[in-house]
Amino acid sequence: MFHSVVILCIAAASLACAPKNVTTKTGGKTTRDVDQAEVILVTKANFNPKMNPIYMEAIRSAIDQHAYERGIINNHDLVQEESKDIGGKFGVVLTVIDADCDELKDFASSAKEMSLLVEHTIVNCGSKPTTL
């Protein structure tokens, strides 16, 4: 029980950050770079099948909060999530449909900087992977 409380405190702390100025993009239709991109989030938490649902919910909440703060509509129908054991750490592989590579890398980079839970992020979009 104590372990669960500590993890929830860590997750809450990773979401507690100063609000950013929200900017929204307006304008015409944009073209997407790729039909499908992949974002791999590797956390500092050890992979633990019993705790993974809690870790996944913390990641989902952080992504939703970050999207809200940036004025981005987070369409859950265009994102597939899968938890993975990545070197003994809890990881999440996000497959993003209809992605703009530059926007995705910018979003992933700023989200990583805001979260205490994420160790590093790899964005596979376009020609080569980018490690953040």
C-alpha atoms as a PDB file:
ATOM      1  CA  MET A   1       0.000   0.000   0.000  1.00  0.00           C
ATOM      2  CA  PHE A   2       2.790   2.408   0.875  1.00  0.00           C
ATOM      3  CA  HIS A   3       4.410   1.696  -2.508  1.00  0.00           C
ATOM      4  CA  SER A   4       1.165   2.675  -4.280  1.00  0.00           C
ATOM      5  CA  VAL A   5       0.950   5.931  -2.358  1.00  0.00           C
ATOM      6  CA  VAL A   6       4.552   6.808  -3.227  1.00  0.00           C
ATOM      7  CA  ILE A   7       3.950   6.111  -6.921  1.00  0.00           C
ATOM      8  CA  LEU A   8       0.786   8.204  -6.934  1.00  0.00           C
ATOM      9  CA  CYS A   9       2.688  11.047  -5.247  1.00  0.00           C
ATOM     10  CA  ILE A  10       5.396  10.840  -7.904  1.00  0.00           C
ATOM     11  CA  ALA A  11       2.777  10.850 -10.659  1.00  0.00           C
ATOM     12  CA  ALA A  12       1.015  13.840  -9.100  1.00  0.00           C
ATOM     13  CA  ALA A  13       4.300  15.708  -8.721  1.00  0.00           C
ATOM     14  CA  SER A  14       5.133  15.078 -12.361  1.00  0.00           C
ATOM     15  CA  LEU A  15       1.872  16.754 -13.328  1.00  0.00           C
ATOM     16  CA  ALA A  16       2.278  19.696 -10.961  1.00  0.00           C
ATOM     17  CA  CYS A  17       3.906  22.429 -12.956  1.00  0.00           C
ATOM     18  CA  ALA A  18       3.352  26.100 -13.557  1.00  0.00           C
ATOM     19  CA  PRO A  19       0.667  26.760 -16.173  1.00  0.00           C
ATOM     20  CA  LYS A  20       1.954  27.844 -19.538  1.00  0.00           C
ATOM     21  CA  ASN A  21       0.477  30.443 -21.827  1.00  0.00           C
ATOM     22  CA  VAL A  22      -1.913  28.644 -24.130  1.00  0.00           C
ATOM     23  CA  THR A  23      -1.641  29.393 -27.804  1.00  0.00           C
ATOM     24  CA  THR A  24      -3.902  27.977 -30.435  1.00  0.00           C
ATOM     25  CA  LYS A  25      -3.160  27.582 -34.071  1.00  0.00           C
ATOM     26  CA  THR A  26      -5.644  28.867 -36.574  1.00  0.00           C
ATOM     27  CA  GLY A  27      -5.644  28.828 -40.281  1.00  0.00           C
ATOM     28  CA  GLY A  28      -6.213  26.568 -43.209  1.00  0.00           C
ATOM     29  CA  LYS A  29      -5.742  22.908 -43.768  1.00  0.00           C
ATOM     30  CA  THR A  30      -2.315  21.512 -42.928  1.00  0.00           C
ATOM     31  CA  THR A  31      -0.612  18.597 -44.586  1.00  0.00           C
ATOM     32  CA  ARG A  32       0.822  15.783 -42.525  1.00  0.00           C
ATOM     33  CA  ASP A  33       4.336  14.439 -42.877  1.00  0.00           C
ATOM     34  CA  VAL A  34       3.560  10.760 -42.336  1.00  0.00           C
ATOM     35  CA  ASP A  35       0.570   8.464 -42.075  1.00  0.00           C
ATOM     36  CA  GLN A  36       1.882   6.934 -38.855  1.00  0.00           C
ATOM     37  CA  ALA A  37       4.533   7.872 -36.290  1.00  0.00           C
ATOM     38  CA  GLU A  38       5.753   6.243 -33.108  1.00  0.00           C
ATOM     39  CA  VAL A  39       6.647   7.845 -29.784  1.00  0.00           C
ATOM     40  CA  ILE A  40       8.411   5.718 -27.173  1.00  0.00           C
ATOM     41  CA  LEU A  41       8.321   7.055 -23.609  1.00  0.00           C
ATOM     42  CA  VAL A  42      10.717   5.382 -21.175  1.00  0.00           C
ATOM     43  CA  THR A  43       9.952   6.195 -17.555  1.00  0.00           C
ATOM     44  CA  LYS A  44      12.093   6.096 -14.433  1.00  0.00           C
ATOM     45  CA  ALA A  45       9.697   3.539 -12.902  1.00  0.00           C
ATOM     46  CA  ASN A  46      10.583  -0.144 -12.894  1.00  0.00           C
ATOM     47  CA  PHE A  47       8.364  -2.364 -15.036  1.00  0.00           C
ATOM     48  CA  ASN A  48       5.889  -3.992 -12.649  1.00  0.00           C
ATOM     49  CA  PRO A  49       2.756  -5.691 -14.034  1.00  0.00           C
ATOM     50  CA  LYS A  50       0.801  -4.820 -10.872  1.00  0.00           C
ATOM     51  CA  MET A  51       1.708  -1.123 -11.051  1.00  0.00           C
ATOM     52  CA  ASN A  52       1.618  -0.687 -14.839  1.00  0.00           C
ATOM     53  CA  PRO A  53      -2.058   0.408 -14.980  1.00  0.00           C
ATOM     54  CA  ILE A  54      -1.264   3.202 -12.515  1.00  0.00           C
ATOM     55  CA  TYR A  55       1.815   4.235 -14.505  1.00  0.00           C
ATOM     56  CA  MET A  56      -0.218   4.194 -17.740  1.00  0.00           C
ATOM     57  CA  GLU A  57      -2.905   6.394 -16.217  1.00  0.00           C
ATOM     58  CA  ALA A  58      -0.238   8.862 -15.021  1.00  0.00           C
ATOM     59  CA  ILE A  59       1.203   9.032 -18.553  1.00  0.00           C
ATOM     60  CA  ARG A  60      -2.273   9.480 -20.105  1.00  0.00           C
ATOM     61  CA  SER A  61      -3.110  12.249 -17.645  1.00  0.00           C
ATOM     62  CA  ALA A  62       0.181  14.026 -18.285  1.00  0.00           C
ATOM     63  CA  ILE A  63      -0.328  13.881 -22.066  1.00  0.00           C
ATOM     64  CA  ASP A  64      -3.917  15.124 -21.808  1.00  0.00           C
ATOM     65  CA  GLN A  65      -2.929  17.959 -19.459  1.00  0.00           C
ATOM     66  CA  HIS A  66      -0.020  19.011 -21.667  1.00  0.00           C
ATOM     67  CA  ALA A  67      -2.232  18.976 -24.776  1.00  0.00           C
ATOM     68  CA  TYR A  68      -4.840  21.076 -22.965  1.00  0.00           C
ATOM     69  CA  GLU A  69      -2.239  23.631 -21.842  1.00  0.00           C
ATOM     70  CA  ARG A  70      -0.942  23.949 -25.406  1.00  0.00           C
ATOM     71  CA  GLY A  71      -4.408  24.289 -26.901  1.00  0.00           C
ATOM     72  CA  ILE A  72      -4.110  21.035 -28.836  1.00  0.00           C
ATOM     73  CA  ILE A  73      -7.057  18.741 -29.359  1.00  0.00           C
ATOM     74  CA  ASN A  74      -5.942  15.272 -28.276  1.00  0.00           C
ATOM     75  CA  ASN A  75      -7.919  12.835 -30.433  1.00  0.00           C
ATOM     76  CA  HIS A  76      -7.686   9.479 -28.652  1.00  0.00           C
ATOM     77  CA  ASP A  77      -8.972   7.705 -31.779  1.00  0.00           C
ATOM     78  CA  LEU A  78      -5.730   8.632 -33.573  1.00  0.00           C
ATOM     79  CA  VAL A  79      -3.383   7.362 -30.840  1.00  0.00           C
ATOM     80  CA  GLN A  80      -2.794   3.732 -29.889  1.00  0.00           C
ATOM     81  CA  GLU A  81      -1.052   3.013 -26.574  1.00  0.00           C
ATOM     82  CA  GLU A  82       0.874  -0.055 -25.500  1.00  0.00           C
ATOM     83  CA  SER A  83       2.897  -0.593 -22.331  1.00  0.00           C
ATOM     84  CA  LYS A  84       6.303  -2.249 -22.755  1.00  0.00           C
ATOM     85  CA  ASP A  85       9.197  -3.472 -20.650  1.00  0.00           C
ATOM     86  CA  ILE A  86      12.086  -1.391 -21.979  1.00  0.00           C
ATOM     87  CA  GLY A  87      15.322  -2.345 -20.267  1.00  0.00           C
ATOM     88  CA  GLY A  88      13.466  -3.166 -17.053  1.00  0.00           C
ATOM     89  CA  LYS A  89      11.691   0.209 -17.022  1.00  0.00           C
ATOM     90  CA  PHE A  90       8.036   0.941 -17.703  1.00  0.00           C
ATOM     91  CA  GLY A  91       7.677   2.231 -21.225  1.00  0.00           C
ATOM     92  CA  VAL A  92       4.784   3.346 -23.376  1.00  0.00           C
ATOM     93  CA  VAL A  93       4.727   3.040 -27.149  1.00  0.00           C
ATOM     94  CA  LEU A  94       2.326   5.529 -28.707  1.00  0.00           C
ATOM     95  CA  THR A  95       1.423   5.023 -32.356  1.00  0.00           C
ATOM     96  CA  VAL A  96       0.124   8.305 -33.759  1.00  0.00           C
ATOM     97  CA  ILE A  97      -1.936   8.294 -36.955  1.00  0.00           C
ATOM     98  CA  ASP A  98      -1.731  11.217 -39.420  1.00  0.00           C
ATOM     99  CA  ALA A  99       1.223  12.949 -37.760  1.00  0.00           C
ATOM    100  CA  ASP A 100       3.144  16.137 -38.455  1.00  0.00           C
ATOM    101  CA  CYS A 101       6.712  15.209 -37.481  1.00  0.00           C
ATOM    102  CA  ASP A 102       7.853  18.662 -36.366  1.00  0.00           C
ATOM    103  CA  GLU A 103       4.759  19.242 -34.235  1.00  0.00           C
ATOM    104  CA  LEU A 104       5.014  15.752 -32.741  1.00  0.00           C
ATOM    105  CA  LYS A 105       8.704  16.202 -31.836  1.00  0.00           C
ATOM    106  CA  ASP A 106       8.003  19.628 -30.328  1.00  0.00           C
ATOM    107  CA  PHE A 107       5.084  18.266 -28.283  1.00  0.00           C
ATOM    108  CA  ALA A 108       7.085  15.230 -27.079  1.00  0.00           C
ATOM    109  CA  SER A 109      10.094  17.373 -26.174  1.00  0.00           C
ATOM    110  CA  SER A 110       8.114  19.889 -24.134  1.00  0.00           C
ATOM    111  CA  ALA A 111       6.051  17.132 -22.477  1.00  0.00           C
ATOM    112  CA  LYS A 112       9.227  15.315 -21.424  1.00  0.00           C
ATOM    113  CA  GLU A 113      10.638  18.494 -19.881  1.00  0.00           C
ATOM    114  CA  MET A 114       7.477  18.922 -17.795  1.00  0.00           C
ATOM    115  CA  SER A 115       7.340  15.384 -16.426  1.00  0.00           C
ATOM    116  CA  LEU A 116       9.434  14.024 -13.586  1.00  0.00           C
ATOM    117  CA  LEU A 117       8.342  10.510 -14.517  1.00  0.00           C
ATOM    118  CA  VAL A 118       9.802  10.341 -18.054  1.00  0.00           C
ATOM    119  CA  GLU A 119      13.480   9.391 -18.398  1.00  0.00           C
ATOM    120  CA  HIS A 120      13.738   9.823 -22.174  1.00  0.00           C
ATOM    121  CA  THR A 121      11.623   9.842 -25.310  1.00  0.00           C
ATOM    122  CA  ILE A 122      12.263   8.517 -28.807  1.00  0.00           C
ATOM    123  CA  VAL A 123      10.216   9.842 -31.729  1.00  0.00           C
ATOM    124  CA  ASN A 124      10.188   7.699 -34.877  1.00  0.00           C
ATOM    125  CA  CYS A 125       8.720   9.986 -37.498  1.00  0.00           C
ATOM    126  CA  GLY A 126       9.987  10.512 -40.995  1.00  0.00           C
ATOM    127  CA  SER A 127      13.479   9.470 -41.985  1.00  0.00           C
ATOM    128  CA  LYS A 128      15.259   8.843 -38.673  1.00  0.00           C
ATOM    129  CA  PRO A 129      14.511   8.432 -34.948  1.00  0.00           C
ATOM    130  CA  THR A 130      14.986  11.426 -32.655  1.00  0.00           C
ATOM    131  CA  THR A 131      15.960  10.854 -29.014  1.00  0.00           C
ATOM    132  CA  LEU A 132      14.839  13.566 -26.612  1.00  0.00           C
END
